[in-house]
Protein backbone atom coordinates (compact mmCIF):
# COMPACT_ATOMS: atom_id res chain seq x y z
CA MET A 1 -52.15 0.23 -11.39
CA ASP A 2 -52.14 2.73 -8.55
CA VAL A 3 -55.46 3.82 -7.07
CA ARG A 4 -56.38 6.50 -4.61
CA LYS A 5 -59.86 6.08 -3.15
CA ASP A 6 -61.38 8.61 -0.85
CA ALA A 7 -63.01 6.99 2.13
CA GLY A 8 -65.72 7.90 4.56
CA THR A 9 -65.99 9.58 7.88
CA ALA A 10 -63.96 9.11 11.03
CA GLU A 11 -65.74 8.28 14.27
CA GLN A 12 -64.37 8.15 17.78
CA TRP A 13 -63.91 4.69 19.23
CA VAL A 14 -63.25 3.90 22.87
CA ALA A 15 -60.23 1.60 23.08
CA ALA A 16 -61.16 -1.74 24.63
CA GLU A 17 -58.71 -4.23 26.05
CA ASP A 18 -58.65 -6.14 22.75
CA ASP A 19 -57.87 -2.90 20.89
CA ILE A 20 -54.90 -2.16 23.15
CA SER A 21 -53.57 -5.63 22.49
CA CYS A 22 -53.77 -5.00 18.72
CA ILE A 23 -52.17 -1.56 19.08
CA ASN A 24 -49.28 -2.93 21.09
CA ARG A 25 -48.27 -5.09 18.14
CA PHE A 26 -47.02 -1.89 16.54
CA SER A 27 -45.55 -0.04 19.53
CA ARG A 28 -42.09 -0.45 21.02
CA LYS A 29 -43.34 0.02 24.57
CA THR A 30 -46.52 -1.33 26.13
CA LEU A 31 -49.21 1.32 25.77
CA THR A 32 -52.28 1.81 27.91
CA ALA A 33 -55.74 3.07 26.98
CA ASP A 34 -54.95 6.41 28.64
CA GLU A 35 -52.05 7.01 26.23
CA VAL A 36 -53.87 6.49 22.94
CA TYR A 37 -56.78 8.01 21.07
CA THR A 38 -58.65 5.62 18.75
CA PHE A 39 -61.18 6.23 16.02
CA ALA A 40 -62.86 4.32 13.20
CA VAL A 41 -62.82 5.22 9.50
CA ARG A 42 -64.66 3.97 6.43
CA LEU A 43 -61.82 3.30 4.02
CA CYS A 44 -63.68 2.33 0.83
CA ASP A 45 -66.82 0.55 -0.38
CA ASN A 46 -68.19 -1.43 -3.34
CA GLU A 47 -70.51 1.25 -4.69
CA VAL A 48 -70.09 2.64 -8.19
CA ASP A 49 -68.60 6.10 -7.77
CA ARG A 50 -68.80 9.33 -9.78
CA ASP A 51 -66.00 8.11 -12.04
CA PHE A 52 -67.98 4.94 -12.68
CA GLU A 53 -65.53 2.67 -10.91
CA ARG A 54 -65.77 0.46 -7.89
CA PHE A 55 -64.01 -2.20 -5.82
CA ASP A 56 -65.59 -5.63 -5.77
CA GLU A 57 -66.15 -7.38 -2.43
CA ALA A 58 -63.12 -9.64 -2.86
CA ALA A 59 -60.93 -6.58 -3.39
CA LEU A 60 -62.30 -4.92 -0.24
CA SER A 61 -61.55 -8.05 1.77
CA ALA A 62 -58.00 -8.20 0.43
CA LEU A 63 -57.45 -4.53 1.15
CA GLY A 64 -58.53 -5.13 4.74
CA ASP A 65 -55.46 -7.33 5.29
CA LEU A 66 -53.15 -4.97 3.35
CA PHE A 67 -54.13 -1.85 5.33
CA VAL A 68 -53.43 -3.21 8.80
CA GLY A 69 -50.36 -1.37 10.08
CA LYS A 70 -50.42 1.36 7.45
CA SER A 71 -49.81 5.00 8.41
CA GLY A 72 -52.23 7.86 8.20
CA VAL A 73 -50.90 11.09 6.65
CA PHE A 74 -52.35 14.29 5.19
CA ASP A 75 -53.29 14.87 1.50
CA HIS A 76 -51.23 11.88 0.31
CA GLN A 77 -47.96 13.62 1.18
CA TRP A 78 -45.56 10.73 1.66
CA SER A 79 -43.44 12.21 4.38
CA ALA A 80 -42.55 10.96 7.84
CA LEU A 81 -43.27 14.44 9.15
CA GLY A 82 -46.94 13.94 8.32
CA GLN A 83 -47.38 10.52 9.92
CA THR A 84 -50.15 10.96 12.46
CA ALA A 85 -51.97 7.66 13.06
CA ARG A 86 -51.83 3.94 12.28
CA ILE A 87 -54.45 1.33 11.45
CA TYR A 88 -54.48 -1.55 13.87
CA ARG A 89 -57.45 -3.63 12.66
CA THR A 90 -60.04 -3.73 9.88
CA GLU A 91 -63.41 -5.31 9.21
CA LEU A 92 -65.64 -5.82 6.16
CA VAL A 93 -69.08 -4.46 7.04
CA ARG A 94 -72.29 -5.30 5.14
CA GLU A 95 -75.41 -3.16 5.26
CA ALA A 96 -78.50 -5.34 5.11
CA GLY A 97 -81.13 -4.32 2.60
CA ARG A 98 -78.92 -1.94 0.68
CA VAL A 99 -78.07 -2.72 -2.96
CA THR A 100 -75.34 -1.04 -5.03
CA ALA A 101 -75.75 0.32 -8.57
CA ALA A 102 -74.02 -2.85 -9.69
CA GLY A 103 -76.89 -4.88 -8.25
CA ASP A 104 -75.12 -6.61 -5.32
CA GLY A 105 -75.29 -6.10 -1.57
CA TYR A 106 -73.56 -3.01 -0.27
CA CYS A 107 -70.47 -3.40 1.92
CA TYR A 108 -67.53 -1.26 3.03
CA LEU A 109 -64.14 -1.66 4.60
CA LYS A 110 -63.98 -0.25 8.11
CA ALA A 111 -60.71 0.38 9.92
CA TRP A 112 -59.70 1.37 13.43
CA ALA A 113 -56.71 3.66 13.88
CA TYR A 114 -54.82 5.07 16.83
CA LEU A 115 -52.67 8.09 17.57
CA MET A 116 -50.83 9.15 20.69
CA LYS A 117 -52.45 11.53 23.18
CA THR A 118 -49.71 14.13 23.05
CA GLU A 119 -49.73 17.93 23.13
CA LYS A 120 -48.83 17.92 19.43
CA ASN A 121 -51.89 15.80 18.57
CA ALA A 122 -54.32 17.68 20.81
CA ASP A 123 -55.61 19.93 18.00
CA LEU A 124 -56.02 16.99 15.64
CA ILE A 125 -57.97 15.00 18.22
CA ALA A 126 -60.23 18.03 18.82
CA GLU A 127 -60.83 18.38 15.06
CA ILE A 128 -61.71 14.70 14.73
CA GLU A 129 -64.15 14.89 17.60
CA GLY A 130 -65.59 18.13 16.23
CA GLY A 131 -66.14 16.62 12.78
CA ILE A 132 -63.61 18.89 11.03
CA LYS A 133 -61.12 16.15 10.17
CA LYS A 134 -63.63 13.71 8.84
CA GLU A 135 -63.00 12.49 5.29
CA VAL A 136 -60.13 10.16 4.50
CA SER A 137 -58.63 8.77 1.31
CA VAL A 138 -56.62 5.61 0.67
CA GLY A 139 -53.70 4.95 -1.66
CA CYS A 140 -53.33 1.40 -2.97
CA ALA A 141 -52.41 -0.65 -6.04
CA VAL A 142 -54.67 -3.00 -7.98
CA ALA A 143 -53.72 -5.41 -10.73
CA ARG A 144 -56.86 -5.18 -12.83
CA SER A 145 -59.61 -2.79 -13.92
CA VAL A 146 -62.35 -4.78 -15.63
CA CYS A 147 -65.22 -3.56 -17.83
CA SER A 148 -68.60 -4.52 -16.37
CA ILE A 149 -70.10 -5.09 -19.82
CA CYS A 150 -67.66 -7.46 -21.51
CA GLY A 151 -65.19 -8.46 -18.80
CA GLU A 152 -62.18 -7.14 -20.75
CA GLU A 153 -59.62 -4.77 -19.29
CA SER A 154 -61.26 -1.37 -19.00
CA GLY A 155 -60.03 0.99 -21.68
CA THR A 156 -59.16 -1.73 -24.14
CA CYS A 157 -62.76 -2.42 -25.23
CA PRO A 158 -65.27 -0.17 -27.06
CA HIS A 159 -67.50 0.32 -24.02
CA GLN A 160 -67.46 3.72 -22.31
CA LYS A 161 -67.77 4.12 -18.56
CA GLY A 162 -71.04 5.77 -17.56
CA GLN A 163 -72.91 4.62 -20.68
CA THR A 164 -75.72 2.07 -20.68
CA TYR A 165 -75.63 -0.98 -22.94
CA GLY A 166 -78.77 -3.06 -23.12
CA GLY A 167 -80.01 -1.55 -19.92
CA LYS A 168 -76.75 -2.36 -18.08
CA LEU A 169 -74.47 0.37 -16.70
CA CYS A 170 -70.87 0.34 -17.81
CA TYR A 171 -68.29 0.83 -15.05
CA ALA A 172 -64.79 -0.36 -14.24
CA GLU A 173 -64.39 -2.91 -11.45
CA LEU A 174 -61.11 -2.65 -9.58
CA ARG A 175 -59.79 -6.11 -8.68
CA GLU A 176 -56.84 -7.96 -7.15
CA PRO A 177 -55.23 -5.41 -4.84
CA SER A 178 -51.50 -5.95 -4.60
CA ASP A 179 -50.41 -3.28 -2.14
CA ALA A 180 -51.69 -0.62 0.24
CA TYR A 181 -49.54 2.51 0.62
CA GLU A 182 -51.24 4.87 3.05
CA TRP A 183 -54.48 6.57 4.01
CA SER A 184 -54.86 10.32 4.30
CA PHE A 185 -57.01 12.99 5.83
CA VAL A 186 -58.34 15.05 2.90
CA ALA A 187 -60.50 18.15 2.57
CA VAL A 188 -62.76 17.55 -0.41
CA PRO A 189 -63.87 13.99 -1.28
CA ALA A 190 -65.57 13.25 -4.59
CA GLN A 191 -67.33 9.93 -3.96
CA ARG A 192 -71.00 10.09 -3.07
CA GLU A 193 -70.48 8.24 0.20
CA ALA A 194 -66.81 8.97 0.72
CA GLY A 195 -65.05 10.59 -2.22
CA VAL A 196 -62.57 9.40 -4.81
CA LEU A 197 -59.11 10.58 -5.70
CA LYS A 198 -57.26 7.98 -7.76
CA ARG A 199 -54.14 7.65 -9.87
CA PHE A 200 -53.68 4.75 -12.25
CA GLY A 201 -50.42 3.05 -13.00
CA GLN A 202 -48.57 5.30 -15.34
CA LYS A 203 -44.93 6.28 -15.21
CA ALA A 204 -43.98 8.75 -12.54
CA VAL A 205 -44.06 11.95 -14.61
CA ALA A 206 -47.28 11.01 -16.43
CA GLY A 207 -48.95 10.20 -13.13
CA LEU A 208 -47.75 13.49 -11.66
CA GLU A 209 -49.12 15.46 -14.62
CA GLN A 210 -52.51 13.75 -14.26
CA TYR A 211 -52.70 14.54 -10.57
CA VAL A 212 -51.38 18.08 -11.04
CA GLY A 213 -53.99 18.71 -13.71
CA GLN A 214 -56.71 18.26 -11.08
CA LYS A 215 -55.48 21.07 -8.85
CA GLU A 216 -55.20 24.61 -10.19
CA GLU A 217 -52.49 25.70 -7.76
CA PHE A 218 -50.36 22.66 -8.58
CA ARG A 219 -50.91 23.17 -12.29
CA GLU A 220 -49.54 26.72 -12.04
CA ALA A 221 -46.50 25.46 -10.10
CA TRP A 222 -45.99 22.72 -12.73
CA ASP A 223 -46.02 25.34 -15.50
CA VAL A 224 -43.42 27.40 -13.66
CA LEU A 225 -41.17 24.35 -13.30
CA ARG A 226 -41.48 23.53 -16.98
CA LYS A 227 -40.58 27.10 -17.94
CA GLN A 228 -37.58 27.03 -15.64
CA ALA A 229 -36.48 23.74 -17.14
CA GLU A 230 -36.76 25.25 -20.64
CA LEU A 231 -34.66 28.25 -19.59
CA GLY A 232 -32.09 25.88 -18.17
CA ARG A 233 -31.93 23.92 -21.42
CA ASN A 234 -31.56 27.17 -23.43
CA TYR A 235 -28.81 28.30 -21.09
CA LEU A 236 -26.82 25.08 -21.55
CA THR A 237 -27.35 25.23 -25.32
CA GLY A 238 -25.91 28.74 -25.41
CA LEU A 239 -23.03 27.79 -23.14
CA ARG A 240 -22.11 24.83 -25.33
CA ARG A 241 -22.25 27.05 -28.43
CA ASP A 242 -19.91 29.59 -26.81
CA VAL A 243 -17.43 26.89 -25.80
CA VAL A 244 -17.33 25.41 -29.31
CA ARG A 245 -16.88 28.89 -30.85
CA LEU A 246 -14.04 29.78 -28.51
CA ALA A 247 -12.37 26.41 -29.05
CA LEU A 248 -12.42 26.79 -32.85
CA VAL A 249 -11.19 30.38 -32.64
CA SER A 250 -8.25 29.42 -30.42
CA ASP A 251 -7.33 26.21 -32.26
CA GLU A 252 -8.19 26.06 -35.96
CA LYS A 253 -7.00 22.45 -36.17
CA LEU A 254 -9.95 21.23 -34.10
CA ASN A 255 -12.70 19.26 -35.83
CA GLY A 256 -15.81 21.35 -35.14
CA GLU A 257 -18.28 18.45 -35.51
CA VAL A 258 -16.33 16.20 -33.20
CA PHE A 259 -15.85 18.89 -30.56
CA GLN A 260 -19.56 19.77 -30.71
CA GLY A 261 -20.37 16.12 -29.92
CA ILE A 262 -18.05 16.27 -26.91
CA ALA A 263 -19.57 19.54 -25.68
CA ASP A 264 -23.09 18.13 -25.95
CA LYS A 265 -22.18 15.53 -23.32
CA LEU A 266 -20.79 18.00 -20.79
CA GLU A 267 -22.72 19.79 -18.04
CA GLU A 268 -22.39 23.33 -16.70
CA PRO A 269 -19.29 22.90 -14.40
CA GLU A 270 -17.15 21.33 -17.14
CA LEU A 271 -18.42 23.76 -19.76
CA LEU A 272 -17.60 26.79 -17.60
CA GLU A 273 -14.05 25.52 -17.02
CA LEU A 274 -13.57 24.93 -20.74
CA LYS A 275 -14.98 28.31 -21.57
CA LYS A 276 -12.60 30.01 -19.12
CA ALA A 277 -9.60 28.13 -20.56
CA TYR A 278 -10.48 28.80 -24.21
CA GLU A 279 -11.24 32.45 -23.50
CA ALA A 280 -7.74 32.90 -22.12
CA ARG A 281 -6.20 31.07 -25.10
CA ALA A 282 -8.32 32.94 -27.67
CA GLU A 283 -7.42 36.28 -26.02
CA LYS A 284 -3.78 35.62 -26.81
CA VAL A 285 -4.56 34.71 -30.42
CA PHE A 286 -7.08 37.48 -31.27
CA PRO A 287 -7.21 39.94 -28.39
CA VAL A 288 -8.96 42.84 -30.15
CA GLN A 289 -11.42 40.82 -32.20
CA LEU A 290 -12.41 38.68 -29.20
CA ARG A 291 -13.19 41.67 -26.98
CA ARG A 292 -15.31 43.19 -29.74
CA ALA A 293 -17.17 39.89 -30.32
CA ASP A 294 -17.85 39.54 -26.60
CA ARG A 295 -19.35 43.04 -26.45
CA GLU A 296 -21.60 42.32 -29.39
CA ALA A 297 -22.72 38.97 -27.95
CA LYS A 298 -23.59 40.55 -24.59
CA SER A 299 -25.71 43.21 -26.29
CA GLY A 300 -27.58 40.71 -28.47
CA ASP A 301 -29.79 37.66 -28.06
CA GLY A 302 -27.23 35.93 -25.89
CA GLU A 303 -28.77 37.61 -22.85
CA MET A 304 -31.74 35.25 -23.00
CA PHE A 305 -29.48 32.41 -21.92
CA ARG A 306 -28.57 34.04 -18.66
CA VAL A 307 -30.38 32.67 -15.59
């Protein structure tokens, strides 16, 4: 089960000697305080969020270990070009006197990250200090999502998240983190304290469709891709039909059903070569009829298969 949780704000942190020691565990050369910029982020907490889900304290503690050494990127784009910072230590922080909607003491996972003081990072550092780059989001995997009412796996029981049963709020508790992928600077968080953007463990395409459905511009791009894929399928269908037709015209001894099965397994390069060969052979057998048939095909519905 994959989860993306938006986190809290980033705050500047002056690198102490202990911080430099932690940072140098991840660097190839020995860095000094003058070479790095450090800041603290609230990764995630144990409050019930707008989607009526939350991490329990044990999950936050486990995530603290998993996130040490993980890269910071932008908008969950998993590209080395977007790597900008790295977490070098974490801490579970409790806020005395504050109680969550679940009824336990509030706590959150705090992390410290560093990036290099380079000309390339100058604008990012200025945006962090100016409060522009503020919200962050984490990508991780959890093994379980448990219903707060009955303790069964969320979604498998009759209880609905956000509803109240016997005066008790129903929410899903995310437990047993198994991996931490990355953390990202994001623009619009959804969680009350930090923001939530999550993706549960579905297969790749299903997960992509769920995420795409949340963003209008991505949904439009997804629709375009699907239409292009449909055109491509139509094109190959027409090409296979043409190859089979030409083959049967040029060699009446061929078994049409068998040859159709062969054509269905071929892709465009092989089909184009076969079409070229059978066109030349059919031209010798029926030169006049073939030219007339080609003219009629080009003026008819066959045009829709051209890309």
